[in-house]
Amino acid sequence: REPVSCISSKGGAYYEDSVKGRFTISKDNDKTTAYLQMN
């Protein structure tokens, strides 16, 4: 298992080097859904 990305309850995000600049993590608090956009 390999870590990819995470986002905190306050919105702070972290990315592993292998996906930096290509992946974006986000969340929608109203819909209680998080996303990982992979480009």
All heavy atoms as atom14 arrays in JSON, in Angstrom:
{
  "sequence": "REPVSCISSKGGAYYEDSVKGRFTISKDNDKTTAYLQMN",
  "atom14_mask": [
    [1, 1, 1, 1, 1, 1, 1, 1, 1, 1, 1, 0, 0, 0],
    [1, 1, 1, 1, 1, 1, 1, 1, 1, 0, 0, 0, 0, 0],
    [1, 1, 1, 1, 1, 1, 1, 0, 0, 0, 0, 0, 0, 0],
    [1, 1, 1, 1, 1, 1, 1, 0, 0, 0, 0, 0, 0, 0],
    [1, 1, 1, 1, 1, 1, 0, 0, 0, 0, 0, 0, 0, 0],
    [1, 1, 1, 1, 1, 1, 0, 0, 0, 0, 0, 0, 0, 0],
    [1, 1, 1, 1, 1, 1, 1, 1, 0, 0, 0, 0, 0, 0],
    [1, 1, 1, 1, 1, 1, 0, 0, 0, 0, 0, 0, 0, 0],
    [1, 1, 1, 1, 1, 1, 0, 0, 0, 0, 0, 0, 0, 0],
    [1, 1, 1, 1, 1, 1, 1, 1, 1, 0, 0, 0, 0, 0],
    [1, 1, 1, 1, 0, 0, 0, 0, 0, 0, 0, 0, 0, 0],
    [1, 1, 1, 1, 0, 0, 0, 0, 0, 0, 0, 0, 0, 0],
    [1, 1, 1, 1, 1, 0, 0, 0, 0, 0, 0, 0, 0, 0],
    [1, 1, 1, 1, 1, 1, 1, 1, 1, 1, 1, 1, 0, 0],
    [1, 1, 1, 1, 1, 1, 1, 1, 1, 1, 1, 1, 0, 0],
    [1, 1, 1, 1, 1, 1, 1, 1, 1, 0, 0, 0, 0, 0],
    [1, 1, 1, 1, 1, 1, 1, 1, 0, 0, 0, 0, 0, 0],
    [1, 1, 1, 1, 1, 1, 0, 0, 0, 0, 0, 0, 0, 0],
    [1, 1, 1, 1, 1, 1, 1, 0, 0, 0, 0, 0, 0, 0],
    [1, 1, 1, 1, 1, 1, 1, 1, 1, 0, 0, 0, 0, 0],
    [1, 1, 1, 1, 0, 0, 0, 0, 0, 0, 0, 0, 0, 0],
    [1, 1, 1, 1, 1, 1, 1, 1, 1, 1, 1, 0, 0, 0],
    [1, 1, 1, 1, 1, 1, 1, 1, 1, 1, 1, 0, 0, 0],
    [1, 1, 1, 1, 1, 1, 1, 0, 0, 0, 0, 0, 0, 0],
    [1, 1, 1, 1, 1, 1, 1, 1, 0, 0, 0, 0, 0, 0],
    [1, 1, 1, 1, 1, 1, 0, 0, 0, 0, 0, 0, 0, 0],
    [1, 1, 1, 1, 1, 1, 1, 1, 1, 0, 0, 0, 0, 0],
    [1, 1, 1, 1, 1, 1, 1, 1, 0, 0, 0, 0, 0, 0],
    [1, 1, 1, 1, 1, 1, 1, 1, 0, 0, 0, 0, 0, 0],
    [1, 1, 1, 1, 1, 1, 1, 1, 0, 0, 0, 0, 0, 0],
    [1, 1, 1, 1, 1, 1, 1, 1, 1, 0, 0, 0, 0, 0],
    [1, 1, 1, 1, 1, 1, 1, 0, 0, 0, 0, 0, 0, 0],
    [1, 1, 1, 1, 1, 1, 1, 0, 0, 0, 0, 0, 0, 0],
    [1, 1, 1, 1, 1, 0, 0, 0, 0, 0, 0, 0, 0, 0],
    [1, 1, 1, 1, 1, 1, 1, 1, 1, 1, 1, 1, 0, 0],
    [1, 1, 1, 1, 1, 1, 1, 1, 0, 0, 0, 0, 0, 0],
    [1, 1, 1, 1, 1, 1, 1, 1, 1, 0, 0, 0, 0, 0],
    [1, 1, 1, 1, 1, 1, 1, 1, 0, 0, 0, 0, 0, 0],
    [1, 1, 1, 1, 1, 1, 1, 1, 0, 0, 0, 0, 0, 0]
  ],
  "atom14_positions": [
    [[0.83, -1.2, 0.0], [0.0, 0.0, 0.0], [0.87, 1.25, 0.0], [1.81, 1.38, 0.8], [-0.91, -0.02, 1.22], [-1.89, 1.14, 1.3], [-2.76, 1.02, 2.53], [-1.96, 1.0, 3.74], [-2.41, 0.59, 4.93], [-3.64, 0.14, 5.05], [-1.61, 0.6, 5.98], [0.0, 0.0, 0.0], [0.0, 0.0, 0.0], [0.0, 0.0, 0.0]],
    [[0.56, 2.18, -0.88], [1.35, 3.39, -1.07], [0.51, 4.62, -0.77], [-0.59, 4.76, -1.29], [1.87, 3.45, -2.51], [2.66, 4.7, -2.84], [3.01, 4.79, -4.3], [2.37, 4.1, -5.12], [3.94, 5.55, -4.64], [0.0, 0.0, 0.0], [0.0, 0.0, 0.0], [0.0, 0.0, 0.0], [0.0, 0.0, 0.0], [0.0, 0.0, 0.0]],
    [[1.01, 5.53, 0.05], [0.28, 6.78, 0.28], [0.29, 7.65, -0.97], [1.26, 7.65, -1.73], [1.05, 7.43, 1.42], [2.43, 6.87, 1.33], [2.25, 5.46, 0.84], [0.0, 0.0, 0.0], [0.0, 0.0, 0.0], [0.0, 0.0, 0.0], [0.0, 0.0, 0.0], [0.0, 0.0, 0.0], [0.0, 0.0, 0.0], [0.0, 0.0, 0.0]],
    [[-0.78, 8.39, -1.16], [-0.92, 9.25, -2.33], [-1.1, 10.71, -1.93], [-0.32, 11.58, -2.31], [-2.09, 8.81, -3.22], [-2.27, 9.77, -4.39], [-1.88, 7.39, -3.71], [0.0, 0.0, 0.0], [0.0, 0.0, 0.0], [0.0, 0.0, 0.0], [0.0, 0.0, 0.0], [0.0, 0.0, 0.0], [0.0, 0.0, 0.0], [0.0, 0.0, 0.0]],
    [[-2.14, 10.97, -1.14], [-2.47, 12.35, -0.78], [-3.4, 12.34, 0.42], [-4.07, 11.34, 0.69], [-3.13, 13.07, -1.96], [-3.44, 14.41, -1.64], [0.0, 0.0, 0.0], [0.0, 0.0, 0.0], [0.0, 0.0, 0.0], [0.0, 0.0, 0.0], [0.0, 0.0, 0.0], [0.0, 0.0, 0.0], [0.0, 0.0, 0.0], [0.0, 0.0, 0.0]],
    [[-3.47, 13.46, 1.12], [-4.43, 13.59, 2.21], [-4.83, 15.03, 2.36], [-4.15, 15.95, 1.89], [-3.87, 13.04, 3.53], [-2.42, 13.88, 4.19], [0.0, 0.0, 0.0], [0.0, 0.0, 0.0], [0.0, 0.0, 0.0], [0.0, 0.0, 0.0], [0.0, 0.0, 0.0], [0.0, 0.0, 0.0], [0.0, 0.0, 0.0], [0.0, 0.0, 0.0]],
    [[-5.97, 15.23, 3.01], [-6.46, 16.57, 3.29], [-7.02, 16.58, 4.71], [-7.71, 15.65, 5.12], [-7.52, 17.02, 2.25], [-7.9, 18.48, 2.48], [-8.74, 16.1, 2.27], [-8.69, 19.08, 1.31], [0.0, 0.0, 0.0], [0.0, 0.0, 0.0], [0.0, 0.0, 0.0], [0.0, 0.0, 0.0], [0.0, 0.0, 0.0], [0.0, 0.0, 0.0]],
    [[-6.69, 17.61, 5.46], [-7.1, 17.68, 6.85], [-8.51, 18.22, 6.99], [-9.13, 18.68, 6.03], [-6.13, 18.57, 7.64], [-6.37, 19.94, 7.37], [0.0, 0.0, 0.0], [0.0, 0.0, 0.0], [0.0, 0.0, 0.0], [0.0, 0.0, 0.0], [0.0, 0.0, 0.0], [0.0, 0.0, 0.0], [0.0, 0.0, 0.0], [0.0, 0.0, 0.0]],
    [[-9.02, 18.17, 8.2], [-10.34, 18.72, 8.48], [-10.4, 20.22, 8.21], [-11.48, 20.76, 7.96], [-10.72, 18.44, 9.93], [-9.78, 18.98, 10.83], [0.0, 0.0, 0.0], [0.0, 0.0, 0.0], [0.0, 0.0, 0.0], [0.0, 0.0, 0.0], [0.0, 0.0, 0.0], [0.0, 0.0, 0.0], [0.0, 0.0, 0.0], [0.0, 0.0, 0.0]],
    [[-9.24, 20.89, 8.27], [-9.16, 22.33, 8.01], [-8.8, 22.66, 6.58], [-8.72, 23.84, 6.22], [-8.14, 22.96, 8.96], [-8.39, 22.66, 10.43], [-9.75, 23.13, 10.88], [-9.98, 22.85, 12.35], [-11.35, 23.24, 12.79], [0.0, 0.0, 0.0], [0.0, 0.0, 0.0], [0.0, 0.0, 0.0], [0.0, 0.0, 0.0], [0.0, 0.0, 0.0]],
    [[-8.54, 21.65, 5.76], [-8.25, 21.88, 4.36], [-6.79, 21.79, 3.95], [-6.48, 21.91, 2.76], [0.0, 0.0, 0.0], [0.0, 0.0, 0.0], [0.0, 0.0, 0.0], [0.0, 0.0, 0.0], [0.0, 0.0, 0.0], [0.0, 0.0, 0.0], [0.0, 0.0, 0.0], [0.0, 0.0, 0.0], [0.0, 0.0, 0.0], [0.0, 0.0, 0.0]],
    [[-5.89, 21.6, 4.9], [-4.49, 21.45, 4.56], [-4.24, 20.15, 3.82], [-4.73, 19.1, 4.23], [0.0, 0.0, 0.0], [0.0, 0.0, 0.0], [0.0, 0.0, 0.0], [0.0, 0.0, 0.0], [0.0, 0.0, 0.0], [0.0, 0.0, 0.0], [0.0, 0.0, 0.0], [0.0, 0.0, 0.0], [0.0, 0.0, 0.0], [0.0, 0.0, 0.0]],
    [[-3.46, 20.21, 2.75], [-3.26, 19.05, 1.9], [-1.78, 18.68, 1.81], [-0.9, 19.51, 1.96], [-3.8, 19.32, 0.5], [0.0, 0.0, 0.0], [0.0, 0.0, 0.0], [0.0, 0.0, 0.0], [0.0, 0.0, 0.0], [0.0, 0.0, 0.0], [0.0, 0.0, 0.0], [0.0, 0.0, 0.0], [0.0, 0.0, 0.0], [0.0, 0.0, 0.0]],
    [[-1.54, 17.41, 1.52], [-0.2, 16.89, 1.35], [-0.22, 15.89, 0.2], [-1.16, 15.13, 0.04], [0.31, 16.22, 2.62], [1.67, 15.59, 2.47], [2.81, 16.37, 2.58], [1.81, 14.24, 2.2], [4.07, 15.81, 2.42], [3.06, 13.67, 2.04], [4.19, 14.46, 2.15], [5.43, 13.9, 1.99], [0.0, 0.0, 0.0], [0.0, 0.0, 0.0]],
    [[0.89, 15.88, -0.58], [1.01, 14.97, -1.71], [2.36, 14.27, -1.68], [3.38, 14.87, -1.36], [0.9, 15.72, -3.03], [-0.37, 16.5, -3.2], [-0.47, 17.82, -2.78], [-1.49, 15.91, -3.79], [-1.64, 18.54, -2.93], [-2.67, 16.62, -3.95], [-2.74, 17.93, -3.51], [-3.91, 18.64, -3.67], [0.0, 0.0, 0.0], [0.0, 0.0, 0.0]],
    [[2.33, 13.0, -2.03], [3.58, 12.3, -2.23], [4.28, 12.84, -3.47], [3.65, 13.35, -4.39], [3.34, 10.8, -2.38], [2.95, 10.11, -1.08], [4.09, 10.11, -0.08], [5.2, 9.64, -0.43], [3.88, 10.56, 1.06], [0.0, 0.0, 0.0], [0.0, 0.0, 0.0], [0.0, 0.0, 0.0], [0.0, 0.0, 0.0], [0.0, 0.0, 0.0]],
    [[5.61, 12.73, -3.49], [6.38, 13.29, -4.6], [5.97, 12.73, -5.96], [6.0, 13.44, -6.96], [7.87, 13.03, -4.38], [8.44, 13.87, -3.25], [7.83, 14.88, -2.88], [9.53, 13.51, -2.76], [0.0, 0.0, 0.0], [0.0, 0.0, 0.0], [0.0, 0.0, 0.0], [0.0, 0.0, 0.0], [0.0, 0.0, 0.0], [0.0, 0.0, 0.0]],
    [[5.56, 11.48, -5.99], [5.24, 10.84, -7.25], [4.01, 11.43, -7.93], [3.82, 11.24, -9.14], [5.03, 9.34, -7.04], [3.96, 9.1, -6.13], [0.0, 0.0, 0.0], [0.0, 0.0, 0.0], [0.0, 0.0, 0.0], [0.0, 0.0, 0.0], [0.0, 0.0, 0.0], [0.0, 0.0, 0.0], [0.0, 0.0, 0.0], [0.0, 0.0, 0.0]],
    [[3.17, 12.16, -7.18], [1.95, 12.71, -7.76], [1.87, 14.22, -7.68], [0.9, 14.81, -8.19], [0.69, 12.09, -7.1], [0.73, 10.57, -7.2], [0.57, 12.55, -5.65], [0.0, 0.0, 0.0], [0.0, 0.0, 0.0], [0.0, 0.0, 0.0], [0.0, 0.0, 0.0], [0.0, 0.0, 0.0], [0.0, 0.0, 0.0], [0.0, 0.0, 0.0]],
    [[2.85, 14.86, -7.11], [2.84, 16.32, -7.01], [2.78, 16.96, -8.39], [3.48, 16.57, -9.3], [4.09, 16.81, -6.27], [4.06, 16.59, -4.77], [5.31, 17.16, -4.11], [5.27, 16.97, -2.61], [6.51, 17.47, -1.96], [0.0, 0.0, 0.0], [0.0, 0.0, 0.0], [0.0, 0.0, 0.0], [0.0, 0.0, 0.0], [0.0, 0.0, 0.0]],
    [[1.92, 17.96, -8.51], [1.75, 18.65, -9.78], [0.79, 17.98, -10.72], [0.41, 18.58, -11.74], [0.0, 0.0, 0.0], [0.0, 0.0, 0.0], [0.0, 0.0, 0.0], [0.0, 0.0, 0.0], [0.0, 0.0, 0.0], [0.0, 0.0, 0.0], [0.0, 0.0, 0.0], [0.0, 0.0, 0.0], [0.0, 0.0, 0.0], [0.0, 0.0, 0.0]],
    [[0.38, 16.75, -10.41], [-0.54, 16.02, -11.28], [-1.88, 15.72, -10.6], [-2.91, 15.73, -11.26], [0.09, 14.7, -11.73], [1.38, 14.88, -12.52], [1.85, 13.57, -13.13], [2.14, 12.57, -12.11], [1.51, 11.4, -11.99], [0.54, 11.08, -12.85], [1.84, 10.54, -11.05], [0.0, 0.0, 0.0], [0.0, 0.0, 0.0], [0.0, 0.0, 0.0]],
    [[-1.84, 15.46, -9.31], [-3.05, 15.14, -8.56], [-3.44, 16.31, -7.66], [-2.58, 17.04, -7.15], [-2.82, 13.91, -7.67], [-2.67, 12.61, -8.41], [-2.51, 12.57, -9.79], [-2.69, 11.42, -7.7], [-2.36, 11.37, -10.46], [-2.55, 10.21, -8.36], [-2.38, 10.19, -9.74], [0.0, 0.0, 0.0], [0.0, 0.0, 0.0], [0.0, 0.0, 0.0]],
    [[-4.74, 16.47, -7.46], [-5.25, 17.5, -6.56], [-6.33, 16.91, -5.68], [-7.29, 16.31, -6.18], [-5.83, 18.69, -7.33], [-4.83, 19.25, -8.19], [-6.31, 19.77, -6.36], [0.0, 0.0, 0.0], [0.0, 0.0, 0.0], [0.0, 0.0, 0.0], [0.0, 0.0, 0.0], [0.0, 0.0, 0.0], [0.0, 0.0, 0.0], [0.0, 0.0, 0.0]],
    [[-6.18, 17.07, -4.38], [-7.18, 16.6, -3.44], [-8.03, 17.78, -2.99], [-7.53, 18.89, -2.81], [-6.53, 15.88, -2.24], [-7.57, 15.15, -1.4], [-5.73, 16.86, -1.38], [-6.97, 14.22, -0.35], [0.0, 0.0, 0.0], [0.0, 0.0, 0.0], [0.0, 0.0, 0.0], [0.0, 0.0, 0.0], [0.0, 0.0, 0.0], [0.0, 0.0, 0.0]],
    [[-9.32, 17.54, -2.81], [-10.23, 18.59, -2.38], [-11.4, 17.96, -1.65], [-11.52, 16.73, -1.59], [-10.71, 19.42, -3.58], [-11.44, 18.61, -4.49], [0.0, 0.0, 0.0], [0.0, 0.0, 0.0], [0.0, 0.0, 0.0], [0.0, 0.0, 0.0], [0.0, 0.0, 0.0], [0.0, 0.0, 0.0], [0.0, 0.0, 0.0], [0.0, 0.0, 0.0]],
    [[-12.26, 18.79, -1.12], [-13.44, 18.29, -0.44], [-14.6, 19.25, -0.6], [-14.41, 20.44, -0.83], [-13.16, 18.05, 1.05], [-12.73, 19.29, 1.82], [-12.46, 18.95, 3.27], [-12.05, 20.19, 4.05], [-11.79, 19.86, 5.49], [0.0, 0.0, 0.0], [0.0, 0.0, 0.0], [0.0, 0.0, 0.0], [0.0, 0.0, 0.0], [0.0, 0.0, 0.0]],
    [[-15.78, 18.7, -0.49], [-17.02, 19.45, -0.55], [-17.71, 19.24, 0.79], [-18.33, 18.2, 1.01], [-17.89, 18.97, -1.71], [-19.15, 19.78, -1.88], [-19.58, 20.45, -0.92], [-19.73, 19.74, -2.98], [0.0, 0.0, 0.0], [0.0, 0.0, 0.0], [0.0, 0.0, 0.0], [0.0, 0.0, 0.0], [0.0, 0.0, 0.0], [0.0, 0.0, 0.0]],
    [[-17.64, 20.21, 1.67], [-18.2, 20.06, 3.01], [-19.72, 19.92, 3.0], [-20.29, 19.19, 3.81], [-17.8, 21.23, 3.89], [-16.33, 21.21, 4.26], [-15.71, 20.16, 4.37], [-15.75, 22.39, 4.44], [0.0, 0.0, 0.0], [0.0, 0.0, 0.0], [0.0, 0.0, 0.0], [0.0, 0.0, 0.0], [0.0, 0.0, 0.0], [0.0, 0.0, 0.0]],
    [[-20.37, 20.63, 2.09], [-21.83, 20.56, 2.02], [-22.31, 19.16, 1.64], [-23.33, 18.68, 2.15], [-22.37, 21.58, 1.03], [-22.2, 23.01, 1.5], [-22.08, 23.23, 2.71], [-22.2, 23.91, 0.64], [0.0, 0.0, 0.0], [0.0, 0.0, 0.0], [0.0, 0.0, 0.0], [0.0, 0.0, 0.0], [0.0, 0.0, 0.0], [0.0, 0.0, 0.0]],
    [[-21.56, 18.51, 0.77], [-21.95, 17.18, 0.29], [-21.21, 16.06, 1.02], [-21.44, 14.89, 0.71], [-21.7, 17.08, -1.21], [-22.54, 18.04, -2.03], [-22.27, 17.87, -3.52], [-23.15, 18.8, -4.34], [-22.91, 18.64, -5.79], [0.0, 0.0, 0.0], [0.0, 0.0, 0.0], [0.0, 0.0, 0.0], [0.0, 0.0, 0.0], [0.0, 0.0, 0.0]],
    [[-20.34, 16.45, 1.93], [-19.54, 15.49, 2.71], [-18.81, 14.51, 1.79], [-18.79, 13.3, 2.05], [-20.4, 14.74, 3.74], [-21.38, 13.94, 3.07], [-21.09, 15.73, 4.66], [0.0, 0.0, 0.0], [0.0, 0.0, 0.0], [0.0, 0.0, 0.0], [0.0, 0.0, 0.0], [0.0, 0.0, 0.0], [0.0, 0.0, 0.0], [0.0, 0.0, 0.0]],
    [[-18.19, 15.05, 0.76], [-17.48, 14.25, -0.21], [-16.1, 14.84, -0.47], [-15.95, 16.06, -0.58], [-18.26, 14.19, -1.54], [-19.57, 13.66, -1.29], [-17.55, 13.31, -2.54], [0.0, 0.0, 0.0], [0.0, 0.0, 0.0], [0.0, 0.0, 0.0], [0.0, 0.0, 0.0], [0.0, 0.0, 0.0], [0.0, 0.0, 0.0], [0.0, 0.0, 0.0]],
    [[-15.12, 13.98, -0.56], [-13.77, 14.38, -0.93], [-13.47, 13.86, -2.33], [-14.07, 12.89, -2.8], [-12.75, 13.85, 0.07], [0.0, 0.0, 0.0], [0.0, 0.0, 0.0], [0.0, 0.0, 0.0], [0.0, 0.0, 0.0], [0.0, 0.0, 0.0], [0.0, 0.0, 0.0], [0.0, 0.0, 0.0], [0.0, 0.0, 0.0], [0.0, 0.0, 0.0]],
    [[-12.51, 14.51, -3.0], [-12.17, 14.17, -4.37], [-10.66, 14.07, -4.55], [-9.88, 14.71, -3.83], [-12.7, 15.23, -5.34], [-14.18, 15.48, -5.23], [-14.67, 16.52, -4.45], [-15.09, 14.67, -5.9], [-16.03, 16.75, -4.34], [-16.45, 14.89, -5.79], [-16.92, 15.93, -5.01], [-18.27, 16.14, -4.91], [0.0, 0.0, 0.0], [0.0, 0.0, 0.0]],
    [[-10.28, 13.27, -5.51], [-8.91, 13.21, -5.96], [-8.91, 13.37, -7.47], [-9.29, 12.45, -8.2], [-8.24, 11.9, -5.56], [-6.75, 11.8, -5.91], [-5.94, 12.78, -5.07], [-6.23, 10.38, -5.71], [0.0, 0.0, 0.0], [0.0, 0.0, 0.0], [0.0, 0.0, 0.0], [0.0, 0.0, 0.0], [0.0, 0.0, 0.0], [0.0, 0.0, 0.0]],
    [[-8.54, 14.56, -7.93], [-8.43, 14.82, -9.36], [-7.06, 14.37, -9.83], [-6.04, 14.85, -9.34], [-8.62, 16.31, -9.65], [-8.48, 16.69, -11.12], [-9.59, 16.13, -11.97], [-10.76, 16.21, -11.6], [-9.23, 15.55, -13.11], [0.0, 0.0, 0.0], [0.0, 0.0, 0.0], [0.0, 0.0, 0.0], [0.0, 0.0, 0.0], [0.0, 0.0, 0.0]],
    [[-7.04, 13.46, -10.79], [-5.81, 12.88, -11.28], [-5.63, 13.27, -12.75], [-6.42, 12.86, -13.6], [-5.82, 11.36, -11.12], [-6.1, 10.9, -9.7], [-5.97, 9.11, -9.5], [-7.31, 8.57, -10.57], [0.0, 0.0, 0.0], [0.0, 0.0, 0.0], [0.0, 0.0, 0.0], [0.0, 0.0, 0.0], [0.0, 0.0, 0.0], [0.0, 0.0, 0.0]],
    [[-4.59, 14.04, -13.02], [-4.27, 14.47, -14.37], [-2.93, 13.9, -14.79], [-2.13, 13.45, -13.97], [-4.23, 16.0, -14.44], [-5.55, 16.66, -14.11], [-6.62, 16.12, -14.41], [-5.49, 17.84, -13.5], [0.0, 0.0, 0.0], [0.0, 0.0, 0.0], [0.0, 0.0, 0.0], [0.0, 0.0, 0.0], [0.0, 0.0, 0.0], [0.0, 0.0, 0.0]]
  ]
}
